[in-house]
Each structure stands twice: as structure tokens, then as C-alpha cells.
Full PDB file with SEQRES, HELIX, SHEET, SSBOND, CRYST1, ORIGX, SCALE, CONECT and MASTER records, all heavy atoms in Angstrom:
SEQRES   1 A   40  ALA GLY ARG VAL LEU PRO GLY PHE ALA VAL GLN LEU ASP          
SEQRES   2 A   40  LEU ASP LEU LEU HIS THR ASP SER PRO GLU ALA LEU ARG          
SEQRES   3 A   40  ALA LEU THR ASP SER GLY ALA ARG THR LEU PRO PRO HIS          
SEQRES   4 A   40  PRO                                                          
HELIX    1 AA1 PRO A   22  ASP A   30  1                                   9    
CRYST1    1.000    1.000    1.000  90.00  90.00  90.00 P 1           1          
ORIGX1      1.000000  0.000000  0.000000        0.00000                         
ORIGX2      0.000000  1.000000  0.000000        0.00000                         
ORIGX3      0.000000  0.000000  1.000000        0.00000                         
SCALE1      1.000000  0.000000  0.000000        0.00000                         
SCALE2      0.000000  1.000000  0.000000        0.00000                         
SCALE3      0.000000  0.000000  1.000000        0.00000                         
ATOM      1  N   ALA A   1      36.776  93.522 -16.873  1.00  0.00           N  
ATOM      2  CA  ALA A   1      36.095  94.086 -15.661  1.00  0.00           C  
ATOM      3  C   ALA A   1      36.837  93.610 -14.421  1.00  0.00           C  
ATOM      4  O   ALA A   1      36.988  94.429 -13.462  1.00  0.00           O  
ATOM      5  CB  ALA A   1      34.627  93.650 -15.663  1.00  0.00           C  
ATOM      6  N   GLY A   2      37.255  92.407 -14.408  1.00  0.00           N  
ATOM      7  CA  GLY A   2      37.952  91.993 -13.220  1.00  0.00           C  
ATOM      8  C   GLY A   2      39.322  92.614 -13.050  1.00  0.00           C  
ATOM      9  O   GLY A   2      39.750  92.856 -11.883  1.00  0.00           O  
ATOM     10  N   ARG A   3      39.979  92.949 -14.125  1.00  0.00           N  
ATOM     11  CA  ARG A   3      41.345  93.638 -13.997  1.00  0.00           C  
ATOM     12  C   ARG A   3      41.156  95.073 -13.676  1.00  0.00           C  
ATOM     13  O   ARG A   3      41.988  95.671 -12.875  1.00  0.00           O  
ATOM     14  CB  ARG A   3      42.060  93.488 -15.310  1.00  0.00           C  
ATOM     15  CG  ARG A   3      42.547  92.070 -15.508  1.00  0.00           C  
ATOM     16  CD  ARG A   3      43.576  92.056 -16.678  1.00  0.00           C  
ATOM     17  NE  ARG A   3      42.965  92.533 -17.946  1.00  0.00           N  
ATOM     18  CZ  ARG A   3      42.284  91.759 -18.773  1.00  0.00           C  
ATOM     19  NH1 ARG A   3      41.957  90.464 -18.421  1.00  0.00           N  
ATOM     20  NH2 ARG A   3      41.753  92.258 -19.933  1.00  0.00           N  
ATOM     21  N   VAL A   4      40.132  95.748 -14.184  1.00  0.00           N  
ATOM     22  CA  VAL A   4      39.888  97.170 -13.872  1.00  0.00           C  
ATOM     23  C   VAL A   4      39.485  97.396 -12.419  1.00  0.00           C  
ATOM     24  O   VAL A   4      39.918  98.339 -11.781  1.00  0.00           O  
ATOM     25  CB  VAL A   4      38.822  97.754 -14.832  1.00  0.00           C  
ATOM     26  CG1 VAL A   4      38.435  99.171 -14.431  1.00  0.00           C  
ATOM     27  CG2 VAL A   4      39.409  97.781 -16.252  1.00  0.00           C  
ATOM     28  N   LEU A   5      38.671  96.487 -11.896  1.00  0.00           N  
ATOM     29  CA  LEU A   5      38.199  96.590 -10.555  1.00  0.00           C  
ATOM     30  C   LEU A   5      38.603  95.361  -9.698  1.00  0.00           C  
ATOM     31  O   LEU A   5      37.770  94.479  -9.455  1.00  0.00           O  
ATOM     32  CB  LEU A   5      36.647  96.796 -10.500  1.00  0.00           C  
ATOM     33  CG  LEU A   5      36.211  98.077 -11.134  1.00  0.00           C  
ATOM     34  CD1 LEU A   5      34.706  98.055 -11.381  1.00  0.00           C  
ATOM     35  CD2 LEU A   5      36.594  99.235 -10.273  1.00  0.00           C  
ATOM     36  N   PRO A   6      39.851  95.261  -9.403  1.00  0.00           N  
ATOM     37  CA  PRO A   6      40.295  94.039  -8.614  1.00  0.00           C  
ATOM     38  C   PRO A   6      39.639  93.992  -7.288  1.00  0.00           C  
ATOM     39  O   PRO A   6      39.415  95.068  -6.615  1.00  0.00           O  
ATOM     40  CB  PRO A   6      41.796  94.275  -8.490  1.00  0.00           C  
ATOM     41  CG  PRO A   6      42.061  95.714  -8.703  1.00  0.00           C  
ATOM     42  CD  PRO A   6      40.963  96.145  -9.590  1.00  0.00           C  
ATOM     43  N   GLY A   7      39.229  92.864  -6.846  1.00  0.00           N  
ATOM     44  CA  GLY A   7      38.531  92.657  -5.536  1.00  0.00           C  
ATOM     45  C   GLY A   7      37.029  92.761  -5.691  1.00  0.00           C  
ATOM     46  O   GLY A   7      36.278  92.466  -4.764  1.00  0.00           O  
ATOM     47  N   PHE A   8      36.497  93.151  -6.856  1.00  0.00           N  
ATOM     48  CA  PHE A   8      35.109  93.184  -7.131  1.00  0.00           C  
ATOM     49  C   PHE A   8      34.683  91.854  -7.690  1.00  0.00           C  
ATOM     50  O   PHE A   8      35.378  91.207  -8.452  1.00  0.00           O  
ATOM     51  CB  PHE A   8      34.704  94.286  -8.103  1.00  0.00           C  
ATOM     52  CG  PHE A   8      34.604  95.647  -7.472  1.00  0.00           C  
ATOM     53  CD1 PHE A   8      35.607  96.255  -6.782  1.00  0.00           C  
ATOM     54  CD2 PHE A   8      33.369  96.346  -7.545  1.00  0.00           C  
ATOM     55  CE1 PHE A   8      35.574  97.491  -6.297  1.00  0.00           C  
ATOM     56  CE2 PHE A   8      33.367  97.618  -7.003  1.00  0.00           C  
ATOM     57  CZ  PHE A   8      34.362  98.173  -6.352  1.00  0.00           C  
ATOM     58  N   ALA A   9      33.521  91.304  -7.332  1.00  0.00           N  
ATOM     59  CA  ALA A   9      32.967  90.125  -7.883  1.00  0.00           C  
ATOM     60  C   ALA A   9      32.264  90.487  -9.221  1.00  0.00           C  
ATOM     61  O   ALA A   9      31.425  91.376  -9.238  1.00  0.00           O  
ATOM     62  CB  ALA A   9      31.913  89.506  -6.951  1.00  0.00           C  
ATOM     63  N   VAL A  10      32.690  89.826 -10.303  1.00  0.00           N  
ATOM     64  CA  VAL A  10      32.196  90.054 -11.663  1.00  0.00           C  
ATOM     65  C   VAL A  10      31.124  88.998 -11.892  1.00  0.00           C  
ATOM     66  O   VAL A  10      31.391  87.806 -11.754  1.00  0.00           O  
ATOM     67  CB  VAL A  10      33.266  90.024 -12.694  1.00  0.00           C  
ATOM     68  CG1 VAL A  10      32.640  90.219 -14.045  1.00  0.00           C  
ATOM     69  CG2 VAL A  10      34.305  91.072 -12.364  1.00  0.00           C  
ATOM     70  N   GLN A  11      29.911  89.368 -12.338  1.00  0.00           N  
ATOM     71  CA  GLN A  11      28.837  88.417 -12.540  1.00  0.00           C  
ATOM     72  C   GLN A  11      28.132  88.730 -13.895  1.00  0.00           C  
ATOM     73  O   GLN A  11      28.075  89.927 -14.245  1.00  0.00           O  
ATOM     74  CB  GLN A  11      27.826  88.367 -11.347  1.00  0.00           C  
ATOM     75  CG  GLN A  11      27.354  89.743 -10.958  1.00  0.00           C  
ATOM     76  CD  GLN A  11      26.698  89.711  -9.592  1.00  0.00           C  
ATOM     77  OE1 GLN A  11      26.823  88.747  -8.808  1.00  0.00           O  
ATOM     78  NE2 GLN A  11      25.918  90.780  -9.316  1.00  0.00           N  
ATOM     79  N   LEU A  12      27.648  87.751 -14.510  1.00  0.00           N  
ATOM     80  CA  LEU A  12      26.944  87.909 -15.757  1.00  0.00           C  
ATOM     81  C   LEU A  12      25.397  87.693 -15.561  1.00  0.00           C  
ATOM     82  O   LEU A  12      25.014  86.720 -14.917  1.00  0.00           O  
ATOM     83  CB  LEU A  12      27.407  86.809 -16.808  1.00  0.00           C  
ATOM     84  CG  LEU A  12      28.726  87.068 -17.490  1.00  0.00           C  
ATOM     85  CD1 LEU A  12      29.196  85.870 -18.222  1.00  0.00           C  
ATOM     86  CD2 LEU A  12      28.577  88.334 -18.400  1.00  0.00           C  
ATOM     87  N   ASP A  13      24.599  88.597 -16.028  1.00  0.00           N  
ATOM     88  CA  ASP A  13      23.159  88.440 -16.013  1.00  0.00           C  
ATOM     89  C   ASP A  13      22.760  88.125 -17.422  1.00  0.00           C  
ATOM     90  O   ASP A  13      22.878  88.968 -18.330  1.00  0.00           O  
ATOM     91  CB  ASP A  13      22.503  89.806 -15.594  1.00  0.00           C  
ATOM     92  CG  ASP A  13      20.971  89.703 -15.469  1.00  0.00           C  
ATOM     93  OD1 ASP A  13      20.378  88.784 -15.971  1.00  0.00           O  
ATOM     94  OD2 ASP A  13      20.418  90.613 -14.965  1.00  0.00           O  
ATOM     95  N   LEU A  14      22.364  86.845 -17.666  1.00  0.00           N  
ATOM     96  CA  LEU A  14      22.112  86.402 -18.987  1.00  0.00           C  
ATOM     97  C   LEU A  14      20.639  86.496 -19.500  1.00  0.00           C  
ATOM     98  O   LEU A  14      20.254  85.875 -20.450  1.00  0.00           O  
ATOM     99  CB  LEU A  14      22.594  84.973 -19.097  1.00  0.00           C  
ATOM    100  CG  LEU A  14      24.022  84.704 -18.674  1.00  0.00           C  
ATOM    101  CD1 LEU A  14      24.373  83.232 -18.761  1.00  0.00           C  
ATOM    102  CD2 LEU A  14      24.973  85.495 -19.548  1.00  0.00           C  
ATOM    103  N   ASP A  15      19.854  87.249 -18.802  1.00  0.00           N  
ATOM    104  CA  ASP A  15      18.421  87.297 -19.157  1.00  0.00           C  
ATOM    105  C   ASP A  15      18.043  87.837 -20.487  1.00  0.00           C  
ATOM    106  O   ASP A  15      17.060  87.458 -21.095  1.00  0.00           O  
ATOM    107  CB  ASP A  15      17.619  88.116 -18.125  1.00  0.00           C  
ATOM    108  CG  ASP A  15      17.334  87.370 -16.899  1.00  0.00           C  
ATOM    109  OD1 ASP A  15      17.444  86.072 -16.981  1.00  0.00           O  
ATOM    110  OD2 ASP A  15      16.879  87.872 -15.894  1.00  0.00           O  
ATOM    111  N   LEU A  16      18.931  88.642 -21.130  1.00  0.00           N  
ATOM    112  CA  LEU A  16      18.646  89.219 -22.429  1.00  0.00           C  
ATOM    113  C   LEU A  16      19.488  88.542 -23.498  1.00  0.00           C  
ATOM    114  O   LEU A  16      19.488  89.006 -24.641  1.00  0.00           O  
ATOM    115  CB  LEU A  16      18.884  90.736 -22.445  1.00  0.00           C  
ATOM    116  CG  LEU A  16      18.044  91.542 -21.484  1.00  0.00           C  
ATOM    117  CD1 LEU A  16      18.393  92.961 -21.516  1.00  0.00           C  
ATOM    118  CD2 LEU A  16      16.573  91.391 -21.820  1.00  0.00           C  
ATOM    119  N   LEU A  17      20.087  87.407 -23.178  1.00  0.00           N  
ATOM    120  CA  LEU A  17      21.044  86.729 -24.089  1.00  0.00           C  
ATOM    121  C   LEU A  17      20.181  85.534 -24.660  1.00  0.00           C  
ATOM    122  O   LEU A  17      19.530  84.829 -24.004  1.00  0.00           O  
ATOM    123  CB  LEU A  17      22.227  86.306 -23.320  1.00  0.00           C  
ATOM    124  CG  LEU A  17      23.440  85.934 -24.156  1.00  0.00           C  
ATOM    125  CD1 LEU A  17      23.956  87.110 -24.912  1.00  0.00           C  
ATOM    126  CD2 LEU A  17      24.496  85.368 -23.218  1.00  0.00           C  
ATOM    127  N   HIS A  18      20.408  85.350 -26.002  1.00  0.00           N  
ATOM    128  CA  HIS A  18      19.788  84.215 -26.687  1.00  0.00           C  
ATOM    129  C   HIS A  18      20.787  83.483 -27.419  1.00  0.00           C  
ATOM    130  O   HIS A  18      21.816  84.054 -27.892  1.00  0.00           O  
ATOM    131  CB  HIS A  18      18.715  84.784 -27.692  1.00  0.00           C  
ATOM    132  CG  HIS A  18      17.696  85.649 -27.035  1.00  0.00           C  
ATOM    133  ND1 HIS A  18      16.598  85.071 -26.334  1.00  0.00           N  
ATOM    134  CD2 HIS A  18      17.610  86.996 -26.927  1.00  0.00           C  
ATOM    135  CE1 HIS A  18      15.938  86.113 -25.938  1.00  0.00           C  
ATOM    136  NE2 HIS A  18      16.454  87.254 -26.171  1.00  0.00           N  
ATOM    137  N   THR A  19      20.623  82.144 -27.610  1.00  0.00           N  
ATOM    138  CA  THR A  19      21.598  81.344 -28.359  1.00  0.00           C  
ATOM    139  C   THR A  19      20.959  80.030 -28.794  1.00  0.00           C  
ATOM    140  O   THR A  19      20.067  79.525 -28.115  1.00  0.00           O  
ATOM    141  CB  THR A  19      22.884  81.134 -27.588  1.00  0.00           C  
ATOM    142  OG1 THR A  19      23.824  80.489 -28.487  1.00  0.00           O  
ATOM    143  CG2 THR A  19      22.661  80.169 -26.409  1.00  0.00           C  
ATOM    144  N   ASP A  20      21.428  79.533 -29.876  1.00  0.00           N  
ATOM    145  CA  ASP A  20      21.128  78.245 -30.322  1.00  0.00           C  
ATOM    146  C   ASP A  20      22.414  77.385 -30.487  1.00  0.00           C  
ATOM    147  O   ASP A  20      22.356  76.219 -31.004  1.00  0.00           O  
ATOM    148  CB  ASP A  20      20.432  78.234 -31.723  1.00  0.00           C  
ATOM    149  CG  ASP A  20      18.997  78.903 -31.626  1.00  0.00           C  
ATOM    150  OD1 ASP A  20      18.386  78.742 -30.603  1.00  0.00           O  
ATOM    151  OD2 ASP A  20      18.635  79.499 -32.588  1.00  0.00           O  
ATOM    152  N   SER A  21      23.467  77.925 -30.002  1.00  0.00           N  
ATOM    153  CA  SER A  21      24.748  77.313 -30.169  1.00  0.00           C  
ATOM    154  C   SER A  21      25.292  76.557 -28.932  1.00  0.00           C  
ATOM    155  O   SER A  21      25.651  77.224 -27.935  1.00  0.00           O  
ATOM    156  CB  SER A  21      25.772  78.420 -30.568  1.00  0.00           C  
ATOM    157  OG  SER A  21      27.065  77.889 -30.528  1.00  0.00           O  
ATOM    158  N   PRO A  22      25.362  75.288 -28.978  1.00  0.00           N  
ATOM    159  CA  PRO A  22      25.919  74.556 -27.834  1.00  0.00           C  
ATOM    160  C   PRO A  22      27.411  74.823 -27.616  1.00  0.00           C  
ATOM    161  O   PRO A  22      27.797  74.849 -26.483  1.00  0.00           O  
ATOM    162  CB  PRO A  22      25.717  73.080 -28.175  1.00  0.00           C  
ATOM    163  CG  PRO A  22      24.978  73.027 -29.518  1.00  0.00           C  
ATOM    164  CD  PRO A  22      24.851  74.386 -30.044  1.00  0.00           C  
ATOM    165  N   GLU A  23      28.107  75.197 -28.694  1.00  0.00           N  
ATOM    166  CA  GLU A  23      29.498  75.510 -28.522  1.00  0.00           C  
ATOM    167  C   GLU A  23      29.699  76.816 -27.714  1.00  0.00           C  
ATOM    168  O   GLU A  23      30.581  76.921 -26.948  1.00  0.00           O  
ATOM    169  CB  GLU A  23      30.217  75.626 -29.910  1.00  0.00           C  
ATOM    170  CG  GLU A  23      30.181  74.430 -30.733  1.00  0.00           C  
ATOM    171  CD  GLU A  23      28.874  74.333 -31.616  1.00  0.00           C  
ATOM    172  OE1 GLU A  23      28.275  75.355 -31.849  1.00  0.00           O  
ATOM    173  OE2 GLU A  23      28.553  73.187 -31.948  1.00  0.00           O  
ATOM    174  N   ALA A  24      28.838  77.819 -28.019  1.00  0.00           N  
ATOM    175  CA  ALA A  24      28.966  79.052 -27.380  1.00  0.00           C  
ATOM    176  C   ALA A  24      28.624  78.904 -25.858  1.00  0.00           C  
ATOM    177  O   ALA A  24      29.280  79.440 -24.963  1.00  0.00           O  
ATOM    178  CB  ALA A  24      28.013  80.115 -27.995  1.00  0.00           C  
ATOM    179  N   LEU A  25      27.551  78.130 -25.597  1.00  0.00           N  
ATOM    180  CA  LEU A  25      27.206  77.895 -24.152  1.00  0.00           C  
ATOM    181  C   LEU A  25      28.269  77.104 -23.449  1.00  0.00           C  
ATOM    182  O   LEU A  25      28.564  77.358 -22.303  1.00  0.00           O  
ATOM    183  CB  LEU A  25      25.898  77.080 -24.087  1.00  0.00           C  
ATOM    184  CG  LEU A  25      24.618  77.912 -24.404  1.00  0.00           C  
ATOM    185  CD1 LEU A  25      23.450  77.008 -24.392  1.00  0.00           C  
ATOM    186  CD2 LEU A  25      24.444  79.009 -23.346  1.00  0.00           C  
ATOM    187  N   ARG A  26      28.859  76.158 -24.068  1.00  0.00           N  
ATOM    188  CA  ARG A  26      29.934  75.402 -23.492  1.00  0.00           C  
ATOM    189  C   ARG A  26      31.154  76.312 -23.187  1.00  0.00           C  
ATOM    190  O   ARG A  26      31.695  76.187 -22.073  1.00  0.00           O  
ATOM    191  CB  ARG A  26      30.427  74.220 -24.408  1.00  0.00           C  
ATOM    192  CG  ARG A  26      31.436  73.334 -23.704  1.00  0.00           C  
ATOM    193  CD  ARG A  26      31.701  72.006 -24.475  1.00  0.00           C  
ATOM    194  NE  ARG A  26      30.424  71.286 -24.427  1.00  0.00           N  
ATOM    195  CZ  ARG A  26      29.619  70.944 -25.522  1.00  0.00           C  
ATOM    196  NH1 ARG A  26      30.031  71.421 -26.657  1.00  0.00           N  
ATOM    197  NH2 ARG A  26      28.599  70.220 -25.426  1.00  0.00           N  
ATOM    198  N   ALA A  27      31.451  77.110 -24.073  1.00  0.00           N  
ATOM    199  CA  ALA A  27      32.615  78.138 -23.910  1.00  0.00           C  
ATOM    200  C   ALA A  27      32.330  79.028 -22.700  1.00  0.00           C  
ATOM    201  O   ALA A  27      33.149  79.269 -21.875  1.00  0.00           O  
ATOM    202  CB  ALA A  27      32.871  78.895 -25.185  1.00  0.00           C  
ATOM    203  N   LEU A  28      31.056  79.469 -22.583  1.00  0.00           N  
ATOM    204  CA  LEU A  28      30.691  80.285 -21.494  1.00  0.00           C  
ATOM    205  C   LEU A  28      30.703  79.574 -20.098  1.00  0.00           C  
ATOM    206  O   LEU A  28      31.267  80.060 -19.146  1.00  0.00           O  
ATOM    207  CB  LEU A  28      29.199  80.837 -21.724  1.00  0.00           C  
ATOM    208  CG  LEU A  28      28.740  81.932 -20.915  1.00  0.00           C  
ATOM    209  CD1 LEU A  28      29.671  83.182 -20.860  1.00  0.00           C  
ATOM    210  CD2 LEU A  28      27.351  82.370 -21.261  1.00  0.00           C  
ATOM    211  N   THR A  29      30.169  78.373 -20.064  1.00  0.00           N  
ATOM    212  CA  THR A  29      30.170  77.641 -18.833  1.00  0.00           C  
ATOM    213  C   THR A  29      31.579  77.166 -18.489  1.00  0.00           C  
ATOM    214  O   THR A  29      32.003  77.124 -17.299  1.00  0.00           O  
ATOM    215  CB  THR A  29      29.238  76.460 -18.808  1.00  0.00           C  
ATOM    216  OG1 THR A  29      29.554  75.622 -19.977  1.00  0.00           O  
ATOM    217  CG2 THR A  29      27.823  76.875 -18.958  1.00  0.00           C  
ATOM    218  N   ASP A  30      32.400  76.746 -19.418  1.00  0.00           N  
ATOM    219  CA  ASP A  30      33.775  76.319 -19.157  1.00  0.00           C  
ATOM    220  C   ASP A  30      34.675  77.377 -18.753  1.00  0.00           C  
ATOM    221  O   ASP A  30      35.714  77.150 -18.118  1.00  0.00           O  
ATOM    222  CB  ASP A  30      34.368  75.620 -20.429  1.00  0.00           C  
ATOM    223  CG  ASP A  30      33.752  74.283 -20.704  1.00  0.00           C  
ATOM    224  OD1 ASP A  30      32.966  73.794 -19.892  1.00  0.00           O  
ATOM    225  OD2 ASP A  30      33.947  73.750 -21.827  1.00  0.00           O  
ATOM    226  N   SER A  31      34.299  78.691 -19.025  1.00  0.00           N  
ATOM    227  CA  SER A  31      35.201  79.786 -18.707  1.00  0.00           C  
ATOM    228  C   SER A  31      35.194  79.995 -17.121  1.00  0.00           C  
ATOM    229  O   SER A  31      36.090  80.681 -16.609  1.00  0.00           O  
ATOM    230  CB  SER A  31      34.647  81.069 -19.278  1.00  0.00           C  
ATOM    231  OG  SER A  31      33.453  81.504 -18.772  1.00  0.00           O  
ATOM    232  N   GLY A  32      34.197  79.485 -16.444  1.00  0.00           N  
ATOM    233  CA  GLY A  32      34.100  79.752 -14.986  1.00  0.00           C  
ATOM    234  C   GLY A  32      33.489  81.078 -14.618  1.00  0.00           C  
ATOM    235  O   GLY A  32      33.565  81.458 -13.458  1.00  0.00           O  
ATOM    236  N   ALA A  33      32.997  81.806 -15.567  1.00  0.00           N  
ATOM    237  CA  ALA A  33      32.317  83.116 -15.272  1.00  0.00           C  
ATOM    238  C   ALA A  33      31.158  82.927 -14.449  1.00  0.00           C  
ATOM    239  O   ALA A  33      30.414  81.977 -14.693  1.00  0.00           O  
ATOM    240  CB  ALA A  33      31.961  83.784 -16.625  1.00  0.00           C  
ATOM    241  N   ARG A  34      31.021  83.755 -13.476  1.00  0.00           N  
ATOM    242  CA  ARG A  34      29.887  83.630 -12.563  1.00  0.00           C  
ATOM    243  C   ARG A  34      28.650  84.261 -13.200  1.00  0.00           C  
ATOM    244  O   ARG A  34      28.592  85.306 -13.649  1.00  0.00           O  
ATOM    245  CB  ARG A  34      30.205  84.372 -11.250  1.00  0.00           C  
ATOM    246  CG  ARG A  34      29.071  84.319 -10.231  1.00  0.00           C  
ATOM    247  CD  ARG A  34      29.479  84.934  -8.941  1.00  0.00           C  
ATOM    248  NE  ARG A  34      28.316  84.950  -8.040  1.00  0.00           N  
ATOM    249  CZ  ARG A  34      27.959  85.957  -7.400  1.00  0.00           C  
ATOM    250  NH1 ARG A  34      28.612  87.085  -7.402  1.00  0.00           N  
ATOM    251  NH2 ARG A  34      26.892  85.911  -6.574  1.00  0.00           N  
ATOM    252  N   THR A  35      27.591  83.377 -13.250  1.00  0.00           N  
ATOM    253  CA  THR A  35      26.277  83.856 -13.770  1.00  0.00           C  
ATOM    254  C   THR A  35      25.209  83.943 -12.716  1.00  0.00           C  
ATOM    255  O   THR A  35      25.272  83.118 -11.815  1.00  0.00           O  
ATOM    256  CB  THR A  35      25.841  82.865 -14.958  1.00  0.00           C  
ATOM    257  OG1 THR A  35      25.706  81.530 -14.416  1.00  0.00           O  
ATOM    258  CG2 THR A  35      26.882  82.792 -16.127  1.00  0.00           C  
ATOM    259  N   LEU A  36      24.417  84.906 -12.917  1.00  0.00           N  
ATOM    260  CA  LEU A  36      23.223  85.030 -11.956  1.00  0.00           C  
ATOM    261  C   LEU A  36      22.171  84.093 -12.354  1.00  0.00           C  
ATOM    262  O   LEU A  36      22.002  83.733 -13.566  1.00  0.00           O  
ATOM    263  CB  LEU A  36      22.708  86.480 -12.023  1.00  0.00           C  
ATOM    264  CG  LEU A  36      23.670  87.586 -11.575  1.00  0.00           C  
ATOM    265  CD1 LEU A  36      23.031  88.930 -11.792  1.00  0.00           C  
ATOM    266  CD2 LEU A  36      23.941  87.412 -10.079  1.00  0.00           C  
ATOM    267  N   PRO A  37      21.369  83.555 -11.421  1.00  0.00           N  
ATOM    268  CA  PRO A  37      20.254  82.743 -11.816  1.00  0.00           C  
ATOM    269  C   PRO A  37      19.235  83.551 -12.617  1.00  0.00           C  
ATOM    270  O   PRO A  37      19.163  84.769 -12.492  1.00  0.00           O  
ATOM    271  CB  PRO A  37      19.636  82.311 -10.446  1.00  0.00           C  
ATOM    272  CG  PRO A  37      20.311  83.127  -9.454  1.00  0.00           C  
ATOM    273  CD  PRO A  37      21.475  83.778 -10.023  1.00  0.00           C  
ATOM    274  N   PRO A  38      18.539  82.875 -13.608  1.00  0.00           N  
ATOM    275  CA  PRO A  38      17.587  83.638 -14.374  1.00  0.00           C  
ATOM    276  C   PRO A  38      16.486  84.277 -13.589  1.00  0.00           C  
ATOM    277  O   PRO A  38      16.070  83.715 -12.542  1.00  0.00           O  
ATOM    278  CB  PRO A  38      17.062  82.563 -15.348  1.00  0.00           C  
ATOM    279  CG  PRO A  38      17.672  81.292 -15.014  1.00  0.00           C  
ATOM    280  CD  PRO A  38      18.658  81.451 -13.874  1.00  0.00           C  
ATOM    281  N   HIS A  39      16.010  85.383 -14.020  1.00  0.00           N  
ATOM    282  CA  HIS A  39      14.899  86.037 -13.357  1.00  0.00           C  
ATOM    283  C   HIS A  39      13.655  85.182 -13.595  1.00  0.00           C  
ATOM    284  O   HIS A  39      13.564  84.579 -14.611  1.00  0.00           O  
ATOM    285  CB  HIS A  39      14.686  87.486 -14.003  1.00  0.00           C  
ATOM    286  CG  HIS A  39      15.813  88.396 -13.609  1.00  0.00           C  
ATOM    287  ND1 HIS A  39      15.659  89.363 -12.627  1.00  0.00           N  
ATOM    288  CD2 HIS A  39      17.097  88.446 -14.099  1.00  0.00           C  
ATOM    289  CE1 HIS A  39      16.839  90.046 -12.582  1.00  0.00           C  
ATOM    290  NE2 HIS A  39      17.636  89.505 -13.477  1.00  0.00           N  
ATOM    291  N   PRO A  40      12.748  85.124 -12.654  1.00  0.00           N  
ATOM    292  CA  PRO A  40      11.604  84.296 -12.814  1.00  0.00           C  
ATOM    293  C   PRO A  40      10.725  84.658 -13.984  1.00  0.00           C  
ATOM    294  O   PRO A  40      10.062  83.845 -14.568  1.00  0.00           O  
ATOM    295  CB  PRO A  40      10.839  84.350 -11.537  1.00  0.00           C  
ATOM    296  CG  PRO A  40      11.417  85.567 -10.812  1.00  0.00           C  
ATOM    297  CD  PRO A  40      12.737  85.815 -11.371  1.00  0.00           C  
TER     298      PRO A  40                                                      
MASTER        0    0    0    1    0    0    0    6  297    1    0    4          
END                                                                             
């Protein structure tokens, strides 16, 4: 998405995502991907 639309801010909305895997969460946070705060 970042390569197709250079100059656009790419953000992840994780509200519908579920996980029990600390490794997957660590990979996601270590990637530096911008995440939106969870909806209330």
C-alpha cells in the first residue's frame, strides 16, 4: 500500500483482529506499522 500510493499515510485498524500469539504481536509492533487506537 505504501509503494502503490507514495506520500499517503498507511495505518492499520486492528479492531477486527484477534490473536493469542505473542510472536505475531511482536512482529507487528516491531515492524513499525502505524496502528490506530482501538475503538472504544
